[in-house]
């Protein structure tokens, strides 16, 4: 990691094999690395998630038989990983949005103290 790269801060979730296939895990690592280096990813890899909060996005990983999503926020000093889940419907579940908002609220509160 270069000294100018942003660290990944995992507030929840992990990427392991299984349930991710090795190919999906590698693709995820490459995309997260690009984010760390300051690249702005767009579709088809990532899309904004303003319903969760500002600077929040959904990383999209297509696996053999699953559609993985990683909800993250880009901060000035880090990439925050909020949630990792298998998306089974077109819409992001309300429970995932609520959970991510709660994790961000707690993180922001804890880092301001």
PDB file of N, CA and C in Angstrom:
ATOM      1  N   UNK A   1       0.841  -1.172   0.000  1.00  0.00           N
ATOM      2  CA  UNK A   1       0.000   0.000   0.000  1.00  0.00           C
ATOM      3  C   UNK A   1       0.891   1.241   0.000  1.00  0.00           C
ATOM      4  N   UNK A   2       0.595   2.145  -0.896  1.00  0.00           N
ATOM      5  CA  UNK A   2       1.312   3.412  -0.991  1.00  0.00           C
ATOM      6  C   UNK A   2       0.864   4.318   0.150  1.00  0.00           C
ATOM      7  N   UNK A   3       1.732   5.199   0.606  1.00  0.00           N
ATOM      8  CA  UNK A   3       1.392   6.060   1.748  1.00  0.00           C
ATOM      9  C   UNK A   3       0.247   7.016   1.439  1.00  0.00           C
ATOM     10  N   UNK A   4      -0.064   7.243   0.157  1.00  0.00           N
ATOM     11  CA  UNK A   4      -1.181   8.107  -0.194  1.00  0.00           C
ATOM     12  C   UNK A   4      -2.491   7.340  -0.317  1.00  0.00           C
ATOM     13  N   UNK A   5      -2.435   6.013  -0.260  1.00  0.00           N
ATOM     14  CA  UNK A   5      -3.643   5.194  -0.367  1.00  0.00           C
ATOM     15  C   UNK A   5      -4.473   5.296   0.907  1.00  0.00           C
ATOM     16  N   UNK A   6      -5.784   5.222   0.744  1.00  0.00           N
ATOM     17  CA  UNK A   6      -6.689   5.242   1.892  1.00  0.00           C
ATOM     18  C   UNK A   6      -6.817   3.831   2.447  1.00  0.00           C
ATOM     19  N   UNK A   7      -6.785   3.676   3.766  1.00  0.00           N
ATOM     20  CA  UNK A   7      -6.990   2.348   4.338  1.00  0.00           C
ATOM     21  C   UNK A   7      -8.465   1.941   4.241  1.00  0.00           C
ATOM     22  N   UNK A   8      -8.701   0.638   4.279  1.00  0.00           N
ATOM     23  CA  UNK A   8     -10.066   0.108   4.360  1.00  0.00           C
ATOM     24  C   UNK A   8     -10.398  -0.081   5.827  1.00  0.00           C
ATOM     25  N   UNK A   9     -11.523   0.463   6.267  1.00  0.00           N
ATOM     26  CA  UNK A   9     -11.994   0.254   7.632  1.00  0.00           C
ATOM     27  C   UNK A   9     -13.272  -0.564   7.564  1.00  0.00           C
ATOM     28  N   UNK A  10     -13.217  -1.777   8.095  1.00  0.00           N
ATOM     29  CA  UNK A  10     -14.365  -2.680   8.046  1.00  0.00           C
ATOM     30  C   UNK A  10     -15.233  -2.458   9.280  1.00  0.00           C
ATOM     31  N   UNK A  11     -16.416  -1.895   9.079  1.00  0.00           N
ATOM     32  CA  UNK A  11     -17.355  -1.753  10.177  1.00  0.00           C
ATOM     33  C   UNK A  11     -18.173  -3.028  10.331  1.00  0.00           C
ATOM     34  N   UNK A  12     -18.251  -3.812   9.256  1.00  0.00           N
ATOM     35  CA  UNK A  12     -18.960  -5.093   9.311  1.00  0.00           C
ATOM     36  C   UNK A  12     -18.688  -5.879   8.035  1.00  0.00           C
ATOM     37  N   UNK A  13     -18.773  -7.191   8.148  1.00  0.00           N
ATOM     38  CA  UNK A  13     -18.689  -8.054   6.975  1.00  0.00           C
ATOM     39  C   UNK A  13     -17.272  -8.474   6.652  1.00  0.00           C
ATOM     40  N   UNK A  14     -17.178  -9.465   5.790  1.00  0.00           N
ATOM     41  CA  UNK A  14     -15.881  -9.944   5.333  1.00  0.00           C
ATOM     42  C   UNK A  14     -16.054 -10.568   3.966  1.00  0.00           C
ATOM     43  N   UNK A  15     -14.948 -10.704   3.264  1.00  0.00           N
ATOM     44  CA  UNK A  15     -14.941 -11.315   1.942  1.00  0.00           C
ATOM     45  C   UNK A  15     -14.033 -12.513   2.036  1.00  0.00           C
ATOM     46  N   UNK A  16     -14.638 -13.675   2.055  1.00  0.00           N
ATOM     47  CA  UNK A  16     -13.844 -14.892   2.203  1.00  0.00           C
ATOM     48  C   UNK A  16     -14.360 -15.950   1.247  1.00  0.00           C
ATOM     49  N   UNK A  17     -13.574 -16.969   1.058  1.00  0.00           N
ATOM     50  CA  UNK A  17     -13.955 -18.085   0.202  1.00  0.00           C
ATOM     51  C   UNK A  17     -14.137 -19.312   1.067  1.00  0.00           C
ATOM     52  N   UNK A  18     -15.308 -20.020   1.057  1.00  0.00           N
ATOM     53  CA  UNK A  18     -16.594 -19.502   0.599  1.00  0.00           C
ATOM     54  C   UNK A  18     -17.150 -18.491   1.580  1.00  0.00           C
ATOM     55  N   UNK A  19     -18.209 -17.762   1.355  1.00  0.00           N
ATOM     56  CA  UNK A  19     -19.186 -17.939   0.278  1.00  0.00           C
ATOM     57  C   UNK A  19     -18.790 -17.280  -1.041  1.00  0.00           C
ATOM     58  N   UNK A  20     -17.874 -16.323  -1.052  1.00  0.00           N
ATOM     59  CA  UNK A  20     -17.421 -15.760  -2.326  1.00  0.00           C
ATOM     60  C   UNK A  20     -16.603 -16.813  -3.063  1.00  0.00           C
ATOM     61  N   UNK A  21     -16.783 -16.894  -4.376  1.00  0.00           N
ATOM     62  CA  UNK A  21     -15.883 -17.748  -5.155  1.00  0.00           C
ATOM     63  C   UNK A  21     -14.515 -17.071  -5.172  1.00  0.00           C
ATOM     64  N   UNK A  22     -13.497 -17.815  -5.499  1.00  0.00           N
ATOM     65  CA  UNK A  22     -12.155 -17.227  -5.562  1.00  0.00           C
ATOM     66  C   UNK A  22     -12.120 -16.095  -6.586  1.00  0.00           C
ATOM     67  N   UNK A  23     -12.802 -16.274  -7.724  1.00  0.00           N
ATOM     68  CA  UNK A  23     -12.812 -15.244  -8.766  1.00  0.00           C
ATOM     69  C   UNK A  23     -13.467 -13.959  -8.261  1.00  0.00           C
ATOM     70  N   UNK A  24     -14.587 -14.098  -7.551  1.00  0.00           N
ATOM     71  CA  UNK A  24     -15.288 -12.921  -7.024  1.00  0.00           C
ATOM     72  C   UNK A  24     -14.448 -12.232  -5.948  1.00  0.00           C
ATOM     73  N   UNK A  25     -13.771 -13.015  -5.140  1.00  0.00           N
ATOM     74  CA  UNK A  25     -12.919 -12.445  -4.094  1.00  0.00           C
ATOM     75  C   UNK A  25     -11.779 -11.634  -4.712  1.00  0.00           C
ATOM     76  N   UNK A  26     -11.177 -12.159  -5.771  1.00  0.00           N
ATOM     77  CA  UNK A  26     -10.092 -11.449  -6.462  1.00  0.00           C
ATOM     78  C   UNK A  26     -10.622 -10.168  -7.107  1.00  0.00           C
ATOM     79  N   UNK A  27     -11.773 -10.261  -7.789  1.00  0.00           N
ATOM     80  CA  UNK A  27     -12.360  -9.073  -8.412  1.00  0.00           C
ATOM     81  C   UNK A  27     -12.656  -8.005  -7.353  1.00  0.00           C
ATOM     82  N   UNK A  28     -13.187  -8.426  -6.218  1.00  0.00           N
ATOM     83  CA  UNK A  28     -13.491  -7.503  -5.131  1.00  0.00           C
ATOM     84  C   UNK A  28     -12.222  -6.818  -4.642  1.00  0.00           C
ATOM     85  N   UNK A  29     -11.171  -7.597  -4.470  1.00  0.00           N
ATOM     86  CA  UNK A  29      -9.899  -7.032  -4.018  1.00  0.00           C
ATOM     87  C   UNK A  29      -9.359  -5.991  -4.982  1.00  0.00           C
ATOM     88  N   UNK A  30      -9.459  -6.272  -6.269  1.00  0.00           N
ATOM     89  CA  UNK A  30      -8.976  -5.335  -7.288  1.00  0.00           C
ATOM     90  C   UNK A  30      -9.792  -4.041  -7.236  1.00  0.00           C
ATOM     91  N   UNK A  31     -11.115  -4.166  -7.130  1.00  0.00           N
ATOM     92  CA  UNK A  31     -11.973  -2.971  -7.095  1.00  0.00           C
ATOM     93  C   UNK A  31     -11.740  -2.151  -5.825  1.00  0.00           C
ATOM     94  N   UNK A  32     -11.611  -2.827  -4.680  1.00  0.00           N
ATOM     95  CA  UNK A  32     -11.333  -2.110  -3.436  1.00  0.00           C
ATOM     96  C   UNK A  32      -9.976  -1.400  -3.512  1.00  0.00           C
ATOM     97  N   UNK A  33      -9.017  -2.031  -4.128  1.00  0.00           N
ATOM     98  CA  UNK A  33      -7.690  -1.421  -4.285  1.00  0.00           C
ATOM     99  C   UNK A  33      -7.785  -0.146  -5.116  1.00  0.00           C
ATOM    100  N   UNK A  34      -8.579  -0.199  -6.185  1.00  0.00           N
ATOM    101  CA  UNK A  34      -8.757   0.984  -7.029  1.00  0.00           C
ATOM    102  C   UNK A  34      -9.392   2.121  -6.229  1.00  0.00           C
ATOM    103  N   UNK A  35     -10.350   1.779  -5.358  1.00  0.00           N
ATOM    104  CA  UNK A  35     -10.965   2.798  -4.501  1.00  0.00           C
ATOM    105  C   UNK A  35      -9.930   3.394  -3.548  1.00  0.00           C
ATOM    106  N   UNK A  36      -9.099   2.543  -2.970  1.00  0.00           N
ATOM    107  CA  UNK A  36      -8.055   3.011  -2.048  1.00  0.00           C
ATOM    108  C   UNK A  36      -7.114   4.003  -2.728  1.00  0.00           C
ATOM    109  N   UNK A  37      -6.890   3.802  -4.005  1.00  0.00           N
ATOM    110  CA  UNK A  37      -5.969   4.660  -4.753  1.00  0.00           C
ATOM    111  C   UNK A  37      -6.644   5.936  -5.254  1.00  0.00           C
ATOM    112  N   UNK A  38      -7.924   6.121  -4.885  1.00  0.00           N
ATOM    113  CA  UNK A  38      -8.616   7.358  -5.218  1.00  0.00           C
ATOM    114  C   UNK A  38      -9.421   7.344  -6.498  1.00  0.00           C
ATOM    115  N   UNK A  39      -9.511   6.184  -7.155  1.00  0.00           N
ATOM    116  CA  UNK A  39     -10.282   6.107  -8.388  1.00  0.00           C
ATOM    117  C   UNK A  39     -11.775   6.151  -8.063  1.00  0.00           C
ATOM    118  N   UNK A  40     -12.526   6.874  -8.870  1.00  0.00           N
ATOM    119  CA  UNK A  40     -13.979   6.895  -8.735  1.00  0.00           C
ATOM    120  C   UNK A  40     -14.564   5.845  -9.661  1.00  0.00           C
ATOM    121  N   UNK A  41     -15.184   4.838  -9.092  1.00  0.00           N
ATOM    122  CA  UNK A  41     -15.772   3.770  -9.890  1.00  0.00           C
ATOM    123  C   UNK A  41     -17.216   4.116 -10.211  1.00  0.00           C
ATOM    124  N   UNK A  42     -17.627   3.831 -11.423  1.00  0.00           N
ATOM    125  CA  UNK A  42     -19.013   4.020 -11.841  1.00  0.00           C
ATOM    126  C   UNK A  42     -19.607   2.700 -12.256  1.00  0.00           C
ATOM    127  N   UNK A  43     -20.769   2.766 -12.865  1.00  0.00           N
ATOM    128  CA  UNK A  43     -21.413   1.547 -13.357  1.00  0.00           C
ATOM    129  C   UNK A  43     -20.524   0.896 -14.405  1.00  0.00           C
ATOM    130  N   UNK A  44     -20.444  -0.402 -14.483  1.00  0.00           N
ATOM    131  CA  UNK A  44     -21.263  -1.385 -13.775  1.00  0.00           C
ATOM    132  C   UNK A  44     -20.718  -1.811 -12.412  1.00  0.00           C
ATOM    133  N   UNK A  45     -19.568  -1.263 -12.011  1.00  0.00           N
ATOM    134  CA  UNK A  45     -18.927  -1.720 -10.766  1.00  0.00           C
ATOM    135  C   UNK A  45     -19.514  -1.109  -9.510  1.00  0.00           C
ATOM    136  N   UNK A  46     -19.949   0.131  -9.587  1.00  0.00           N
ATOM    137  CA  UNK A  46     -20.384   0.833  -8.386  1.00  0.00           C
ATOM    138  C   UNK A  46     -21.458   1.844  -8.736  1.00  0.00           C
ATOM    139  N   UNK A  47     -22.336   2.092  -7.780  1.00  0.00           N
ATOM    140  CA  UNK A  47     -23.329   3.141  -7.975  1.00  0.00           C
ATOM    141  C   UNK A  47     -23.550   3.865  -6.660  1.00  0.00           C
ATOM    142  N   UNK A  48     -23.917   5.148  -6.719  1.00  0.00           N
ATOM    143  CA  UNK A  48     -24.158   5.919  -5.500  1.00  0.00           C
ATOM    144  C   UNK A  48     -25.364   5.378  -4.728  1.00  0.00           C
ATOM    145  N   UNK A  49     -25.302   5.524  -3.414  1.00  0.00           N
ATOM    146  CA  UNK A  49     -26.408   5.110  -2.538  1.00  0.00           C
ATOM    147  C   UNK A  49     -26.788   6.274  -1.621  1.00  0.00           C
ATOM    148  N   UNK A  50     -27.376   7.352  -2.180  1.00  0.00           N
ATOM    149  CA  UNK A  50     -27.729   8.505  -1.354  1.00  0.00           C
ATOM    150  C   UNK A  50     -28.774   8.163  -0.292  1.00  0.00           C
ATOM    151  N   UNK A  51     -29.510   7.070  -0.479  1.00  0.00           N
ATOM    152  CA  UNK A  51     -30.503   6.660   0.529  1.00  0.00           C
ATOM    153  C   UNK A  51     -29.828   6.270   1.846  1.00  0.00           C
ATOM    154  N   UNK A  52     -28.541   5.917   1.794  1.00  0.00           N
ATOM    155  CA  UNK A  52     -27.800   5.565   3.006  1.00  0.00           C
ATOM    156  C   UNK A  52     -27.115   6.801   3.580  1.00  0.00           C
ATOM    157  N   UNK A  53     -26.517   7.596   2.723  1.00  0.00           N
ATOM    158  CA  UNK A  53     -25.851   8.803   3.186  1.00  0.00           C
ATOM    159  C   UNK A  53     -24.961   9.380   2.108  1.00  0.00           C
ATOM    160  N   UNK A  54     -24.430  10.548   2.372  1.00  0.00           N
ATOM    161  CA  UNK A  54     -23.574  11.183   1.382  1.00  0.00           C
ATOM    162  C   UNK A  54     -22.250  10.418   1.292  1.00  0.00           C
ATOM    163  N   UNK A  55     -21.733  10.337   0.085  1.00  0.00           N
ATOM    164  CA  UNK A  55     -20.482   9.633  -0.235  1.00  0.00           C
ATOM    165  C   UNK A  55     -20.600   8.122  -0.081  1.00  0.00           C
ATOM    166  N   UNK A  56     -21.834   7.590   0.018  1.00  0.00           N
ATOM    167  CA  UNK A  56     -22.047   6.143   0.133  1.00  0.00           C
ATOM    168  C   UNK A  56     -22.311   5.548  -1.249  1.00  0.00           C
ATOM    169  N   UNK A  57     -21.806   4.346  -1.426  1.00  0.00           N
ATOM    170  CA  UNK A  57     -21.915   3.655  -2.709  1.00  0.00           C
ATOM    171  C   UNK A  57     -22.141   2.173  -2.482  1.00  0.00           C
ATOM    172  N   UNK A  58     -22.542   1.510  -3.572  1.00  0.00           N
ATOM    173  CA  UNK A  58     -22.741   0.069  -3.565  1.00  0.00           C
ATOM    174  C   UNK A  58     -21.790  -0.538  -4.593  1.00  0.00           C
ATOM    175  N   UNK A  59     -20.842  -1.331  -4.128  1.00  0.00           N
ATOM    176  CA  UNK A  59     -19.943  -2.063  -5.022  1.00  0.00           C
ATOM    177  C   UNK A  59     -20.675  -3.311  -5.470  1.00  0.00           C
ATOM    178  N   UNK A  60     -20.654  -3.576  -6.765  1.00  0.00           N
ATOM    179  CA  UNK A  60     -21.432  -4.677  -7.334  1.00  0.00           C
ATOM    180  C   UNK A  60     -20.494  -5.771  -7.829  1.00  0.00           C
ATOM    181  N   UNK A  61     -20.647  -6.955  -7.251  1.00  0.00           N
ATOM    182  CA  UNK A  61     -19.807  -8.098  -7.613  1.00  0.00           C
ATOM    183  C   UNK A  61     -20.711  -9.229  -8.090  1.00  0.00           C
ATOM    184  N   UNK A  62     -20.554  -9.596  -9.347  1.00  0.00           N
ATOM    185  CA  UNK A  62     -21.327 -10.709  -9.896  1.00  0.00           C
ATOM    186  C   UNK A  62     -20.526 -11.977  -9.688  1.00  0.00           C
ATOM    187  N   UNK A  63     -21.102 -12.929  -8.952  1.00  0.00           N
ATOM    188  CA  UNK A  63     -20.453 -14.216  -8.706  1.00  0.00           C
ATOM    189  C   UNK A  63     -21.168 -15.266  -9.539  1.00  0.00           C
ATOM    190  N   UNK A  64     -20.726 -16.499  -9.455  1.00  0.00           N
ATOM    191  CA  UNK A  64     -21.298 -17.580 -10.261  1.00  0.00           C
ATOM    192  C   UNK A  64     -22.826 -17.617 -10.182  1.00  0.00           C
ATOM    193  N   UNK A  65     -23.378 -17.605  -8.973  1.00  0.00           N
ATOM    194  CA  UNK A  65     -24.834 -17.682  -8.823  1.00  0.00           C
ATOM    195  C   UNK A  65     -25.378 -16.679  -7.814  1.00  0.00           C
ATOM    196  N   UNK A  66     -24.588 -15.662  -7.512  1.00  0.00           N
ATOM    197  CA  UNK A  66     -25.000 -14.651  -6.540  1.00  0.00           C
ATOM    198  C   UNK A  66     -24.616 -13.259  -7.026  1.00  0.00           C
ATOM    199  N   UNK A  67     -25.326 -12.281  -6.499  1.00  0.00           N
ATOM    200  CA  UNK A  67     -25.018 -10.871  -6.754  1.00  0.00           C
ATOM    201  C   UNK A  67     -24.612 -10.245  -5.434  1.00  0.00           C
ATOM    202  N   UNK A  68     -23.306 -10.166  -5.195  1.00  0.00           N
ATOM    203  CA  UNK A  68     -22.803  -9.606  -3.951  1.00  0.00           C
ATOM    204  C   UNK A  68     -22.824  -8.093  -4.013  1.00  0.00           C
ATOM    205  N   UNK A  69     -23.087  -7.487  -2.872  1.00  0.00           N
ATOM    206  CA  UNK A  69     -23.035  -6.035  -2.744  1.00  0.00           C
ATOM    207  C   UNK A  69     -22.208  -5.674  -1.522  1.00  0.00           C
ATOM    208  N   UNK A  70     -21.395  -4.667  -1.674  1.00  0.00           N
ATOM    209  CA  UNK A  70     -20.602  -4.135  -0.566  1.00  0.00           C
ATOM    210  C   UNK A  70     -20.951  -2.655  -0.471  1.00  0.00           C
ATOM    211  N   UNK A  71     -21.551  -2.274   0.637  1.00  0.00           N
ATOM    212  CA  UNK A  71     -21.900  -0.880   0.852  1.00  0.00           C
ATOM    213  C   UNK A  71     -20.690  -0.199   1.500  1.00  0.00           C
ATOM    214  N   UNK A  72     -20.259   0.917   0.911  1.00  0.00           N
ATOM    215  CA  UNK A  72     -19.078   1.609   1.432  1.00  0.00           C
ATOM    216  C   UNK A  72     -19.282   3.117   1.366  1.00  0.00           C
ATOM    217  N   UNK A  73     -18.488   3.818   2.169  1.00  0.00           N
ATOM    218  CA  UNK A  73     -18.475   5.279   2.135  1.00  0.00           C
ATOM    219  C   UNK A  73     -17.039   5.739   1.930  1.00  0.00           C
ATOM    220  N   UNK A  74     -16.881   6.735   1.081  1.00  0.00           N
ATOM    221  CA  UNK A  74     -15.569   7.303   0.821  1.00  0.00           C
ATOM    222  C   UNK A  74     -15.386   8.517   1.729  1.00  0.00           C
ATOM    223  N   UNK A  75     -14.488   8.409   2.686  1.00  0.00           N
ATOM    224  CA  UNK A  75     -14.119   9.525   3.553  1.00  0.00           C
ATOM    225  C   UNK A  75     -12.807  10.111   3.062  1.00  0.00           C
ATOM    226  N   UNK A  76     -12.423  11.260   3.603  1.00  0.00           N
ATOM    227  CA  UNK A  76     -11.161  11.884   3.204  1.00  0.00           C
ATOM    228  C   UNK A  76      -9.967  11.013   3.551  1.00  0.00           C
ATOM    229  N   UNK A  77     -10.079  10.248   4.645  1.00  0.00           N
ATOM    230  CA  UNK A  77      -8.923   9.501   5.136  1.00  0.00           C
ATOM    231  C   UNK A  77      -9.057   7.983   5.063  1.00  0.00           C
ATOM    232  N   UNK A  78     -10.212   7.471   4.579  1.00  0.00           N
ATOM    233  CA  UNK A  78     -10.403   6.015   4.547  1.00  0.00           C
ATOM    234  C   UNK A  78     -11.610   5.645   3.690  1.00  0.00           C
ATOM    235  N   UNK A  79     -11.672   4.364   3.355  1.00  0.00           N
ATOM    236  CA  UNK A  79     -12.858   3.772   2.737  1.00  0.00           C
ATOM    237  C   UNK A  79     -13.524   2.934   3.829  1.00  0.00           C
ATOM    238  N   UNK A  80     -14.761   3.272   4.194  1.00  0.00           N
ATOM    239  CA  UNK A  80     -15.481   2.533   5.236  1.00  0.00           C
ATOM    240  C   UNK A  80     -16.346   1.458   4.600  1.00  0.00           C
ATOM    241  N   UNK A  81     -16.159   0.216   5.024  1.00  0.00           N
ATOM    242  CA  UNK A  81     -16.994  -0.890   4.563  1.00  0.00           C
ATOM    243  C   UNK A  81     -18.115  -1.057   5.584  1.00  0.00           C
ATOM    244  N   UNK A  82     -19.354  -0.854   5.144  1.00  0.00           N
ATOM    245  CA  UNK A  82     -20.497  -0.860   6.043  1.00  0.00           C
ATOM    246  C   UNK A  82     -21.217  -2.197   6.083  1.00  0.00           C
ATOM    247  N   UNK A  83     -21.306  -2.866   4.925  1.00  0.00           N
ATOM    248  CA  UNK A  83     -22.067  -4.117   4.873  1.00  0.00           C
ATOM    249  C   UNK A  83     -21.661  -4.901   3.632  1.00  0.00           C
ATOM    250  N   UNK A  84     -21.716  -6.211   3.750  1.00  0.00           N
ATOM    251  CA  UNK A  84     -21.490  -7.133   2.644  1.00  0.00           C
ATOM    252  C   UNK A  84     -22.680  -8.078   2.644  1.00  0.00           C
ATOM    253  N   UNK A  85     -23.373  -8.197   1.500  1.00  0.00           N
ATOM    254  CA  UNK A  85     -24.538  -9.071   1.465  1.00  0.00           C
ATOM    255  C   UNK A  85     -24.805  -9.561   0.050  1.00  0.00           C
ATOM    256  N   UNK A  86     -25.579 -10.631  -0.034  1.00  0.00           N
ATOM    257  CA  UNK A  86     -26.013 -11.199  -1.301  1.00  0.00           C
ATOM    258  C   UNK A  86     -27.346 -10.549  -1.647  1.00  0.00           C
ATOM    259  N   UNK A  87     -27.376  -9.816  -2.731  1.00  0.00           N
ATOM    260  CA  UNK A  87     -28.594  -9.112  -3.129  1.00  0.00           C
ATOM    261  C   UNK A  87     -29.481 -10.063  -3.925  1.00  0.00           C
ATOM    262  N   UNK A  88     -30.681 -10.285  -3.419  1.00  0.00           N
ATOM    263  CA  UNK A  88     -31.585 -11.255  -4.057  1.00  0.00           C
ATOM    264  C   UNK A  88     -32.787 -10.597  -4.715  1.00  0.00           C
ATOM    265  N   UNK A  89     -32.970  -9.301  -4.491  1.00  0.00           N
ATOM    266  CA  UNK A  89     -34.087  -8.584  -5.105  1.00  0.00           C
ATOM    267  C   UNK A  89     -33.550  -7.343  -5.803  1.00  0.00           C
ATOM    268  N   UNK A  90     -34.396  -6.721  -6.604  1.00  0.00           N
ATOM    269  CA  UNK A  90     -33.974  -5.524  -7.341  1.00  0.00           C
ATOM    270  C   UNK A  90     -33.637  -4.371  -6.398  1.00  0.00           C
ATOM    271  N   UNK A  91     -34.435  -4.201  -5.376  1.00  0.00           N
ATOM    272  CA  UNK A  91     -34.229  -3.102  -4.428  1.00  0.00           C
ATOM    273  C   UNK A  91     -33.335  -3.551  -3.274  1.00  0.00           C
ATOM    274  N   UNK A  92     -32.570  -2.609  -2.740  1.00  0.00           N
ATOM    275  CA  UNK A  92     -31.780  -2.892  -1.544  1.00  0.00           C
ATOM    276  C   UNK A  92     -32.737  -2.993  -0.364  1.00  0.00           C
ATOM    277  N   UNK A  93     -32.651  -4.084   0.399  1.00  0.00           N
ATOM    278  CA  UNK A  93     -33.570  -4.251   1.532  1.00  0.00           C
ATOM    279  C   UNK A  93     -33.484  -3.085   2.521  1.00  0.00           C
ATOM    280  N   UNK A  94     -34.640  -2.676   3.015  1.00  0.00           N
ATOM    281  CA  UNK A  94     -34.703  -1.588   3.996  1.00  0.00           C
ATOM    282  C   UNK A  94     -33.859  -1.909   5.216  1.00  0.00           C
ATOM    283  N   UNK A  95     -33.821  -3.178   5.611  1.00  0.00           N
ATOM    284  CA  UNK A  95     -33.026  -3.566   6.788  1.00  0.00           C
ATOM    285  C   UNK A  95     -31.544  -3.287   6.561  1.00  0.00           C
ATOM    286  N   UNK A  96     -31.053  -3.480   5.343  1.00  0.00           N
ATOM    287  CA  UNK A  96     -29.644  -3.199   5.024  1.00  0.00           C
ATOM    288  C   UNK A  96     -29.385  -1.692   5.089  1.00  0.00           C
ATOM    289  N   UNK A  97     -30.280  -0.905   4.529  1.00  0.00           N
ATOM    290  CA  UNK A  97     -30.135   0.557   4.561  1.00  0.00           C
ATOM    291  C   UNK A  97     -30.118   1.047   6.005  1.00  0.00           C
ATOM    292  N   UNK A  98     -31.074   0.561   6.809  1.00  0.00           N
ATOM    293  CA  UNK A  98     -31.144   0.969   8.222  1.00  0.00           C
ATOM    294  C   UNK A  98     -29.879   0.591   8.979  1.00  0.00           C
ATOM    295  N   UNK A  99     -29.409  -0.636   8.782  1.00  0.00           N
ATOM    296  CA  UNK A  99     -28.202  -1.112   9.458  1.00  0.00           C
ATOM    297  C   UNK A  99     -26.994  -0.255   9.082  1.00  0.00           C
ATOM    298  N   UNK A 100     -26.852   0.058   7.806  1.00  0.00           N
ATOM    299  CA  UNK A 100     -25.717   0.884   7.352  1.00  0.00           C
ATOM    300  C   UNK A 100     -25.786   2.280   7.964  1.00  0.00           C
ATOM    301  N   UNK A 101     -26.980   2.863   8.002  1.00  0.00           N
ATOM    302  CA  UNK A 101     -27.139   4.191   8.591  1.00  0.00           C
ATOM    303  C   UNK A 101     -26.774   4.177  10.072  1.00  0.00           C
ATOM    304  N   UNK A 102     -27.166   3.129  10.784  1.00  0.00           N
ATOM    305  CA  UNK A 102     -26.836   3.014  12.212  1.00  0.00           C
ATOM    306  C   UNK A 102     -25.334   2.867  12.417  1.00  0.00           C
ATOM    307  N   UNK A 103     -24.686   2.054  11.587  1.00  0.00           N
ATOM    308  CA  UNK A 103     -23.234   1.871  11.706  1.00  0.00           C
ATOM    309  C   UNK A 103     -22.493   3.175  11.433  1.00  0.00           C
ATOM    310  N   UNK A 104     -22.952   3.917  10.429  1.00  0.00           N
ATOM    311  CA  UNK A 104     -22.321   5.202  10.128  1.00  0.00           C
ATOM    312  C   UNK A 104     -22.522   6.197  11.261  1.00  0.00           C
ATOM    313  N   UNK A 105     -23.714   6.229  11.795  1.00  0.00           N
ATOM    314  CA  UNK A 105     -24.009   7.148  12.895  1.00  0.00           C
ATOM    315  C   UNK A 105     -23.111   6.855  14.092  1.00  0.00           C
ATOM    316  N   UNK A 106     -22.979   5.575  14.428  1.00  0.00           N
ATOM    317  CA  UNK A 106     -22.130   5.182  15.554  1.00  0.00           C
ATOM    318  C   UNK A 106     -20.665   5.512  15.259  1.00  0.00           C
ATOM    319  N   UNK A 107     -20.214   5.205  14.048  1.00  0.00           N
ATOM    320  CA  UNK A 107     -18.826   5.487  13.671  1.00  0.00           C
ATOM    321  C   UNK A 107     -18.553   6.990  13.756  1.00  0.00           C
ATOM    322  N   UNK A 108     -19.434   7.785  13.181  1.00  0.00           N
ATOM    323  CA  UNK A 108     -19.229   9.243  13.168  1.00  0.00           C
ATOM    324  C   UNK A 108     -19.237   9.800  14.596  1.00  0.00           C
ATOM    325  N   UNK A 109     -20.117   9.291  15.429  1.00  0.00           N
ATOM    326  CA  UNK A 109     -20.188   9.730  16.825  1.00  0.00           C
ATOM    327  C   UNK A 109     -18.902   9.356  17.564  1.00  0.00           C
ATOM    328  N   UNK A 110     -18.440   8.112  17.369  1.00  0.00           N
ATOM    329  CA  UNK A 110     -17.236   7.637  18.060  1.00  0.00           C
ATOM    330  C   UNK A 110     -15.975   8.378  17.614  1.00  0.00           C
ATOM    331  N   UNK A 111     -15.914   8.760  16.325  1.00  0.00           N
ATOM    332  CA  UNK A 111     -14.705   9.417  15.829  1.00  0.00           C
ATOM    333  C   UNK A 111     -14.683  10.906  16.140  1.00  0.00           C
ATOM    334  N   UNK A 112     -15.806  11.463  16.529  1.00  0.00           N
ATOM    335  CA  UNK A 112     -15.841  12.888  16.905  1.00  0.00           C
ATOM    336  C   UNK A 112     -15.418  13.098  18.354  1.00  0.00           C
ATOM    337  N   UNK A 113     -15.419  12.049  19.135  1.00  0.00           N
ATOM    338  CA  UNK A 113     -15.031  12.162  20.556  1.00  0.00           C
ATOM    339  C   UNK A 113     -13.541  12.035  20.731  1.00  0.00           C
TER     340      UNK A 113
END
